[in-house]
Amino acid sequence: MDLDFSTVELAFRDEVRQFLAAELPADIRDRIVRGDHSHVREDTIRWQKILHAKGWGAPAWPVEFGGTGWSKTQQYIFETECALADAPAQLAFGIKMVAPVLMRYGSTEQQNRFLPRIRAADDWWCQGYSEPGSGSDLASLKMKAERDGDEYVLNGQKAWNTLGHFADWIFCLVRTDSSAKPQKGISFLLIDMKTSGITVRPTKLLDGSFEVNEIWFDNVRVPVTNRVGDENEGWTYAKFLLGHERTNIAGIGWSKRELRRLKSDSAKVSKDGRSLLEDPVFGGRIAQVEIELTALEITNMRVIFDEAAKKAPGPEASMLKIRGTEIMQRISELQMELLGASALAYAHDSDDSRATASYLNLRKLTIFGGSNEIQRNIIAHMILKL
C-alpha cells in the first residue's frame, strides 16, 4: 500500500488550502483558535453554506445525491486540511450519520425531502440513541413507539444528546416490539423537533458548557412515513450508522492540529536552559504520541482503501475509535501539563481557558460512540471469534 499522495492528490490538497485561505472567515477561525463556542450554531451553518456554494457541502456523498464524488483519499485530505486551518467541523449528525442511512435505506421521498436540506444547512440534525441505562448496551433501549393508524406515539427519554437544543430534526432508535429479542424490536424514526410533546433539558458539563441534553418524549406523534426502512429492523440501520460514527470519532485532523500547537508551545517554554520540546522526558512523550498518531493515520488509510473497495468498516472502525480518542485525550493532557499551575485557575475568559476546557470536555471521548471497553469486546469478537 503506497501511503504517499499522488501528483493529482497533491494538486487537490493545494486547491483545498487555497480555498481555505481565501474563504474561511477570519472571525470564525479566530473563535475556533480561542475555543470560543458562543457562536457554534451560527458558525457551523455559515461555514456549511460557504462549502455548499462551492459545491463541497457533502464531501463523502456520491454525485447522484449532490455530493462531490471525491475519492476516499480526497475526502481525507479535505477534512485534514480543514482541521489544520481551524475551520469548524461539519455537523456530523446530518452529513455523516443520518445522510448515509437515508442514501442506503431511505425511500426516494425521504431522500428528496431531507438530503438537499442537509447539504445546504437548512436543517440541523441531532441523534437520539442513548438512554438512561442504555448507552454502550444500546440494544437495551426502552423508548416506546406504539402504532396508532398512520402514526407512532412515542413515550420515553433520550440522554447525552449532543447539540439537540439547536436541532430542527432528530433521528431516533425506538422500541416498536417489546416482546422481540432486544435487537429485533427496534425501528429508526425521523422526528421534527418542533413536534408537540418534545422537551429538551440541557445538561451542564465539567467545562461549564451546555453541549448535551436530555430529551423527553410525551405522547409525541410521528408519521409512519418518517420511519426509515422496515419496522423492527432499525438495529441493522443503527449498526451501519455506528460504523461511520466510530470512524469519524478518530479525529486525526484535530489531533494533528493540536499536536502542532503543542510542539510550538513547548518550544517556547524553557527548562534547564533548553525548551521543553527538547527535554528528554516531556519531549519524549510528545514524540511518542506523534508516533502513535502516525500509526493511527496509517490504519485510517487502510479503512479508506477498504471503503474504496466497497468493504464495510470492520474491526478497524473500533480500533480507530479507541486509539483516536485515547490520542486526543493524551494530547490534551500534555497541553495541560505544559500550562502547569496556571491550568488550575480556569476561567472561561482567561488565556488558558481553551486548553483547560478542551481537557475537561475530552474526558467523554472514550465513552460516547460506544465506550472503548465495549469496542475492545467488539474487536475480540470479530477477530478472535470469542
Protein backbone atom coordinates (compact mmCIF):
# COMPACT_ATOMS: atom_id res chain seq x y z
CA MET A 1 0.00 0.00 0.00
CA ASP A 2 1.51 3.32 -1.12
CA LEU A 3 0.83 5.95 1.54
CA ASP A 4 2.25 8.83 -0.50
CA PHE A 5 -0.22 11.11 -2.22
CA SER A 6 -0.20 11.13 -6.00
CA THR A 7 0.54 14.24 -8.06
CA VAL A 8 -3.19 14.71 -8.63
CA GLU A 9 -3.93 14.37 -4.92
CA LEU A 10 -1.21 16.87 -4.02
CA ALA A 11 -2.71 19.33 -6.52
CA PHE A 12 -6.10 18.78 -4.88
CA ARG A 13 -4.56 19.46 -1.44
CA ASP A 14 -3.17 22.74 -2.76
CA GLU A 15 -6.60 23.67 -4.11
CA VAL A 16 -8.19 22.99 -0.72
CA ARG A 17 -5.55 25.06 1.06
CA GLN A 18 -6.07 27.97 -1.32
CA PHE A 19 -9.82 27.80 -0.84
CA LEU A 20 -9.49 27.76 2.96
CA ALA A 21 -7.08 30.69 2.92
CA ALA A 22 -9.46 32.72 0.77
CA GLU A 23 -12.91 31.70 2.04
CA LEU A 24 -12.70 30.72 5.72
CA PRO A 25 -13.99 33.83 7.58
CA ALA A 26 -11.38 35.22 9.95
CA ASP A 27 -13.87 35.70 12.81
CA ILE A 28 -14.91 32.04 12.63
CA ARG A 29 -11.29 30.87 12.53
CA ASP A 30 -10.37 33.08 15.48
CA ARG A 31 -13.19 31.65 17.60
CA ILE A 32 -12.04 28.10 16.81
CA VAL A 33 -8.47 29.01 17.81
CA ARG A 34 -9.67 30.52 21.10
CA GLY A 35 -12.02 27.64 21.84
CA ASP A 36 -14.95 30.07 21.85
CA HIS A 37 -18.19 28.09 21.26
CA SER A 38 -20.56 31.01 21.81
CA HIS A 39 -21.48 31.11 18.10
CA VAL A 40 -21.23 27.41 17.32
CA ARG A 41 -24.61 27.13 15.60
CA GLU A 42 -24.16 30.28 13.53
CA ASP A 43 -20.55 29.47 12.64
CA THR A 44 -21.32 25.87 11.67
CA ILE A 45 -24.24 26.86 9.44
CA ARG A 46 -22.37 29.80 7.89
CA TRP A 47 -19.37 27.65 7.03
CA GLN A 48 -21.55 24.85 5.66
CA LYS A 49 -23.30 27.32 3.35
CA ILE A 50 -19.91 28.55 2.09
CA LEU A 51 -18.92 24.96 1.33
CA HIS A 52 -22.29 24.30 -0.27
CA ALA A 53 -21.90 27.32 -2.57
CA LYS A 54 -18.53 25.92 -3.65
CA GLY A 55 -20.08 22.50 -4.31
CA TRP A 56 -18.16 20.99 -1.40
CA GLY A 57 -21.02 20.72 1.08
CA ALA A 58 -21.09 16.91 1.10
CA PRO A 59 -17.54 15.61 0.54
CA ALA A 60 -18.37 11.92 1.06
CA TRP A 61 -21.65 11.80 -0.83
CA PRO A 62 -21.96 10.33 -4.32
CA VAL A 63 -22.68 12.71 -7.17
CA GLU A 64 -26.22 11.40 -7.68
CA PHE A 65 -27.17 12.76 -4.25
CA GLY A 66 -25.47 16.11 -4.77
CA GLY A 67 -22.09 15.15 -3.39
CA THR A 68 -18.62 15.86 -4.68
CA GLY A 69 -17.85 12.39 -5.97
CA TRP A 70 -14.42 12.69 -4.37
CA SER A 71 -12.30 9.65 -3.72
CA LYS A 72 -11.82 8.49 -0.13
CA THR A 73 -8.32 9.96 -0.20
CA GLN A 74 -9.62 13.33 -1.35
CA GLN A 75 -12.18 13.29 1.45
CA TYR A 76 -9.43 12.56 3.95
CA ILE A 77 -7.25 15.35 2.57
CA PHE A 78 -10.14 17.81 2.72
CA GLU A 79 -11.07 17.03 6.32
CA THR A 80 -7.46 17.10 7.49
CA GLU A 81 -6.75 20.43 5.81
CA CYS A 82 -9.94 21.93 7.24
CA ALA A 83 -8.89 20.92 10.75
CA LEU A 84 -5.36 22.25 10.27
CA ALA A 85 -6.81 25.56 9.03
CA ASP A 86 -9.03 25.88 12.15
CA ALA A 87 -12.27 25.57 10.20
CA PRO A 88 -15.43 24.45 12.02
CA ALA A 89 -16.20 20.77 11.73
CA GLN A 90 -19.19 19.99 9.55
CA LEU A 91 -22.20 18.82 11.54
CA ALA A 92 -21.64 15.07 11.51
CA PHE A 93 -25.17 14.10 12.59
CA GLY A 94 -26.60 15.21 9.27
CA ILE A 95 -23.76 14.95 6.76
CA LYS A 96 -22.04 11.81 8.04
CA MET A 97 -24.63 9.88 10.03
CA VAL A 98 -28.27 10.13 9.01
CA ALA A 99 -27.49 11.00 5.37
CA PRO A 100 -25.66 7.72 4.61
CA VAL A 101 -28.54 5.81 6.22
CA LEU A 102 -31.04 7.65 4.04
CA MET A 103 -28.97 7.05 0.92
CA ARG A 104 -28.73 3.32 1.68
CA TYR A 105 -32.11 2.53 3.29
CA GLY A 106 -34.38 5.56 2.92
CA SER A 107 -37.25 5.92 0.47
CA THR A 108 -36.96 8.12 -2.59
CA GLU A 109 -39.35 10.59 -0.98
CA GLN A 110 -37.19 10.74 2.16
CA GLN A 111 -34.05 11.22 0.11
CA ASN A 112 -35.58 14.03 -1.94
CA ARG A 113 -37.02 15.69 1.14
CA PHE A 114 -34.09 15.60 3.54
CA LEU A 115 -30.78 15.27 1.69
CA PRO A 116 -30.78 18.64 -0.13
CA ARG A 117 -31.64 20.43 3.12
CA ILE A 118 -28.84 18.66 4.99
CA ARG A 119 -26.35 19.61 2.30
CA ALA A 120 -27.46 23.26 2.32
CA ALA A 121 -27.51 23.54 6.15
CA ASP A 122 -31.25 24.26 6.12
CA ASP A 123 -31.84 21.56 8.75
CA TRP A 124 -29.79 20.89 11.88
CA TRP A 125 -29.88 17.21 12.87
CA CYS A 126 -29.14 15.52 16.18
CA GLN A 127 -29.02 11.91 17.33
CA GLY A 128 -31.38 10.08 19.69
CA TYR A 129 -29.68 6.82 20.60
CA SER A 130 -28.56 6.69 24.24
CA GLU A 131 -30.98 6.47 27.14
CA PRO A 132 -30.50 6.29 30.91
CA GLY A 133 -29.17 2.75 31.35
CA SER A 134 -28.87 2.18 27.59
CA GLY A 135 -25.63 3.67 26.37
CA SER A 136 -22.96 1.16 25.47
CA ASP A 137 -25.64 -1.57 25.64
CA LEU A 138 -27.72 0.26 23.07
CA ALA A 139 -29.92 -2.74 22.24
CA SER A 140 -31.48 -2.44 25.71
CA LEU A 141 -33.17 0.86 24.84
CA LYS A 142 -36.74 1.22 26.09
CA MET A 143 -38.31 4.32 24.50
CA LYS A 144 -41.64 3.07 23.16
CA ALA A 145 -43.21 3.82 19.80
CA GLU A 146 -46.73 2.37 19.61
CA ARG A 147 -48.53 2.25 16.29
CA ASP A 148 -51.78 4.24 16.05
CA GLY A 149 -53.03 4.18 12.47
CA ASP A 150 -50.65 6.18 10.28
CA GLU A 151 -48.66 7.44 13.25
CA TYR A 152 -46.40 6.22 16.04
CA VAL A 153 -46.97 7.53 19.57
CA LEU A 154 -43.63 7.95 21.38
CA ASN A 155 -43.00 7.97 25.11
CA GLY A 156 -39.63 7.88 26.80
CA GLN A 157 -36.32 9.65 27.19
CA LYS A 158 -33.05 10.09 25.34
CA ALA A 159 -29.86 11.12 27.16
CA TRP A 160 -26.46 12.59 26.28
CA ASN A 161 -27.90 14.13 23.13
CA THR A 162 -25.29 16.41 21.56
CA LEU A 163 -26.42 19.89 20.41
CA GLY A 164 -30.07 18.89 20.38
CA HIS A 165 -31.00 22.34 21.71
CA PHE A 166 -30.07 23.66 18.25
CA ALA A 167 -31.73 20.89 16.26
CA ASP A 168 -34.56 21.02 13.75
CA TRP A 169 -34.73 17.21 13.42
CA ILE A 170 -33.64 14.17 15.38
CA PHE A 171 -33.13 10.59 14.21
CA CYS A 172 -34.12 8.13 16.91
CA LEU A 173 -33.99 4.47 17.72
CA VAL A 174 -37.26 3.42 19.33
CA ARG A 175 -38.79 0.21 20.67
CA THR A 176 -41.64 -0.91 18.41
CA ASP A 177 -41.84 -4.51 19.67
CA SER A 178 -41.16 -5.14 23.36
CA SER A 179 -41.74 -8.90 23.02
CA ALA A 180 -38.97 -9.47 20.48
CA LYS A 181 -35.29 -10.06 21.20
CA PRO A 182 -33.56 -6.75 22.05
CA GLN A 183 -32.02 -6.19 18.62
CA LYS A 184 -35.19 -7.23 16.78
CA GLY A 185 -37.80 -4.85 18.16
CA ILE A 186 -36.16 -1.54 17.21
CA SER A 187 -37.17 0.94 14.50
CA PHE A 188 -35.42 4.03 13.07
CA LEU A 189 -37.53 7.21 13.06
CA LEU A 190 -37.01 10.77 11.78
CA ILE A 191 -38.67 13.29 14.10
CA ASP A 192 -39.35 17.01 13.74
CA MET A 193 -38.10 18.66 16.94
CA LYS A 194 -40.99 21.13 16.83
CA THR A 195 -43.48 18.30 17.38
CA SER A 196 -45.73 18.75 20.41
CA GLY A 197 -44.61 16.75 23.45
CA ILE A 198 -40.84 17.07 22.98
CA THR A 199 -38.94 18.70 25.87
CA VAL A 200 -35.19 19.44 25.70
CA ARG A 201 -33.33 19.81 29.01
CA PRO A 202 -29.65 20.89 28.77
CA THR A 203 -27.02 19.14 30.91
CA LYS A 204 -24.13 21.19 32.31
CA LEU A 205 -20.76 19.56 31.62
CA LEU A 206 -17.46 19.64 33.52
CA ASP A 207 -16.19 22.56 31.44
CA GLY A 208 -19.29 24.59 32.25
CA SER A 209 -20.78 24.28 28.78
CA PHE A 210 -24.25 23.06 27.78
CA GLU A 211 -23.33 20.81 24.87
CA VAL A 212 -25.54 17.81 25.66
CA ASN A 213 -29.16 17.34 26.63
CA GLU A 214 -31.83 15.06 27.95
CA ILE A 215 -34.80 14.89 25.59
CA TRP A 216 -38.21 13.79 26.83
CA PHE A 217 -41.00 12.46 24.61
CA ASP A 218 -44.53 12.66 25.99
CA ASN A 219 -47.13 11.21 23.59
CA VAL A 220 -45.19 12.54 20.62
CA ARG A 221 -46.92 11.62 17.35
CA VAL A 222 -44.69 10.79 14.37
CA PRO A 223 -45.95 9.84 10.89
CA VAL A 224 -45.19 6.28 9.86
CA THR A 225 -43.78 7.76 6.64
CA ASN A 226 -40.92 9.10 8.79
CA ARG A 227 -39.73 5.58 9.53
CA VAL A 228 -36.58 4.58 7.66
CA GLY A 229 -36.77 1.08 6.21
CA ASP A 230 -38.84 -1.69 7.76
CA GLU A 231 -40.45 -1.76 11.18
CA ASN A 232 -38.38 -3.62 13.81
CA GLU A 233 -35.29 -3.65 11.56
CA GLY A 234 -33.75 -0.45 12.93
CA TRP A 235 -30.83 -2.28 14.53
CA THR A 236 -29.49 -3.04 11.05
CA TYR A 237 -29.54 0.66 10.18
CA ALA A 238 -28.09 1.60 13.57
CA LYS A 239 -25.08 -0.69 13.09
CA PHE A 240 -24.49 0.79 9.65
CA LEU A 241 -24.54 4.30 11.13
CA LEU A 242 -22.32 3.39 14.10
CA GLY A 243 -19.61 2.16 11.75
CA HIS A 244 -19.48 5.65 10.23
CA GLU A 245 -19.65 7.36 13.63
CA ARG A 246 -16.76 5.40 15.13
CA THR A 247 -14.55 6.07 12.12
CA ASN A 248 -15.34 9.80 12.34
CA ILE A 249 -14.59 9.93 16.09
CA ALA A 250 -10.91 9.11 15.38
CA GLY A 251 -10.32 12.86 14.97
CA ILE A 252 -7.00 12.62 13.14
CA GLY A 253 -7.22 16.13 11.73
CA TRP A 254 -7.93 17.55 15.19
CA SER A 255 -5.03 15.62 16.70
CA LYS A 256 -2.60 16.78 14.02
CA ARG A 257 -3.63 20.39 14.57
CA GLU A 258 -3.39 20.19 18.36
CA LEU A 259 -0.09 18.29 18.22
CA ARG A 260 1.32 21.07 16.03
CA ARG A 261 0.12 23.62 18.59
CA LEU A 262 1.59 21.57 21.46
CA LYS A 263 5.00 21.34 19.79
CA SER A 264 5.01 25.06 19.03
CA ASP A 265 4.06 25.98 22.59
CA SER A 266 6.59 23.52 24.07
CA ALA A 267 9.37 25.10 22.04
CA LYS A 268 8.64 28.44 23.76
CA VAL A 269 8.92 27.12 27.35
CA SER A 270 12.40 26.73 28.82
CA LYS A 271 13.65 24.24 31.39
CA ASP A 272 17.27 23.88 32.46
CA GLY A 273 18.44 26.02 29.58
CA ARG A 274 16.52 24.26 26.80
CA SER A 275 12.97 24.13 25.54
CA LEU A 276 10.51 21.56 26.81
CA LEU A 277 10.30 20.21 23.28
CA GLU A 278 13.96 19.24 23.63
CA ASP A 279 13.53 17.88 27.15
CA PRO A 280 14.16 14.11 27.07
CA VAL A 281 11.14 13.38 29.28
CA PHE A 282 8.48 15.83 28.12
CA GLY A 283 9.78 15.96 24.54
CA GLY A 284 9.93 12.17 24.52
CA ARG A 285 6.26 11.97 25.47
CA ILE A 286 5.37 14.30 22.63
CA ALA A 287 7.42 12.14 20.25
CA GLN A 288 5.64 9.01 21.47
CA VAL A 289 2.17 10.43 20.86
CA GLU A 290 3.30 11.64 17.42
CA ILE A 291 4.43 8.10 16.56
CA GLU A 292 1.09 6.72 17.72
CA LEU A 293 -0.76 9.32 15.67
CA THR A 294 1.21 8.32 12.58
CA ALA A 295 0.30 4.67 13.16
CA LEU A 296 -3.36 5.67 13.58
CA GLU A 297 -3.23 7.62 10.32
CA ILE A 298 -1.91 4.54 8.52
CA THR A 299 -4.78 2.47 9.97
CA ASN A 300 -7.20 5.14 8.82
CA MET A 301 -5.75 4.95 5.32
CA ARG A 302 -6.35 1.17 5.38
CA VAL A 303 -10.01 1.83 6.18
CA ILE A 304 -10.13 4.37 3.35
CA PHE A 305 -8.78 1.83 0.88
CA ASP A 306 -11.22 -0.83 2.14
CA GLU A 307 -14.17 1.55 1.75
CA ALA A 308 -12.99 2.42 -1.75
CA ALA A 309 -13.14 -1.32 -2.47
CA LYS A 310 -16.76 -1.32 -1.16
CA LYS A 311 -15.86 -3.11 2.07
CA ALA A 312 -17.87 -2.12 5.15
CA PRO A 313 -15.87 -0.95 8.20
CA GLY A 314 -14.82 -3.98 10.23
CA PRO A 315 -12.85 -4.14 13.49
CA GLU A 316 -10.72 -1.27 12.14
CA ALA A 317 -13.60 1.12 12.90
CA SER A 318 -13.40 0.15 16.58
CA MET A 319 -9.60 0.39 16.50
CA LEU A 320 -9.81 3.91 15.10
CA LYS A 321 -12.30 4.90 17.77
CA ILE A 322 -10.16 3.53 20.61
CA ARG A 323 -6.79 4.84 19.51
CA GLY A 324 -8.11 8.09 18.10
CA THR A 325 -9.89 9.09 21.29
CA GLU A 326 -7.00 8.00 23.52
CA ILE A 327 -4.55 10.05 21.47
CA MET A 328 -6.80 13.10 21.59
CA GLN A 329 -7.01 12.79 25.36
CA ARG A 330 -3.26 12.33 25.68
CA ILE A 331 -2.54 15.45 23.64
CA SER A 332 -4.92 17.45 25.82
CA GLU A 333 -3.21 16.08 28.95
CA LEU A 334 0.18 17.21 27.65
CA GLN A 335 -1.26 20.65 26.88
CA MET A 336 -2.45 20.86 30.49
CA GLU A 337 0.92 19.76 31.85
CA LEU A 338 2.58 22.42 29.74
CA LEU A 339 0.41 25.08 31.40
CA GLY A 340 1.39 23.83 34.84
CA ALA A 341 -0.22 25.54 37.82
CA SER A 342 -1.86 28.19 35.61
CA ALA A 343 -4.20 25.47 34.31
CA LEU A 344 -5.82 25.36 37.76
CA ALA A 345 -7.02 28.97 37.52
CA TYR A 346 -9.65 28.02 34.97
CA ALA A 347 -11.95 30.79 33.80
CA HIS A 348 -13.85 31.00 30.54
CA ASP A 349 -12.27 34.34 29.65
CA SER A 350 -8.66 33.50 30.57
CA ASP A 351 -5.84 32.86 28.11
CA ASP A 352 -5.51 29.31 29.40
CA SER A 353 -9.22 28.50 29.23
CA ARG A 354 -9.01 26.86 25.81
CA ALA A 355 -6.69 24.02 26.87
CA THR A 356 -8.43 23.51 30.21
CA ALA A 357 -11.91 23.45 28.69
CA SER A 358 -10.71 21.08 25.98
CA TYR A 359 -9.17 18.75 28.56
CA LEU A 360 -12.39 18.61 30.58
CA ASN A 361 -14.60 18.19 27.52
CA LEU A 362 -12.50 15.42 26.00
CA ARG A 363 -13.00 13.12 29.02
CA LYS A 364 -16.19 11.99 27.27
CA LEU A 365 -14.47 10.69 24.13
CA THR A 366 -13.67 7.23 25.42
CA ILE A 367 -17.31 6.79 26.49
CA PHE A 368 -19.60 8.02 23.73
CA GLY A 369 -19.97 6.30 20.36
CA GLY A 370 -19.66 3.02 22.25
CA SER A 371 -17.23 3.03 25.19
CA ASN A 372 -13.68 1.92 24.48
CA GLU A 373 -14.17 -1.11 26.74
CA ILE A 374 -17.10 -2.18 24.56
CA GLN A 375 -15.03 -1.54 21.44
CA ARG A 376 -12.35 -3.91 22.71
CA ASN A 377 -15.02 -6.57 23.19
CA ILE A 378 -16.19 -5.99 19.61
CA ILE A 379 -12.64 -6.42 18.30
CA ALA A 380 -12.20 -9.62 20.30
CA HIS A 381 -15.47 -11.00 18.98
CA MET A 382 -14.78 -10.08 15.33
CA ILE A 383 -11.12 -11.16 15.19
CA LEU A 384 -10.77 -13.87 17.83
CA LYS A 385 -14.37 -15.12 17.47
CA LEU A 386 -14.81 -15.04 21.24
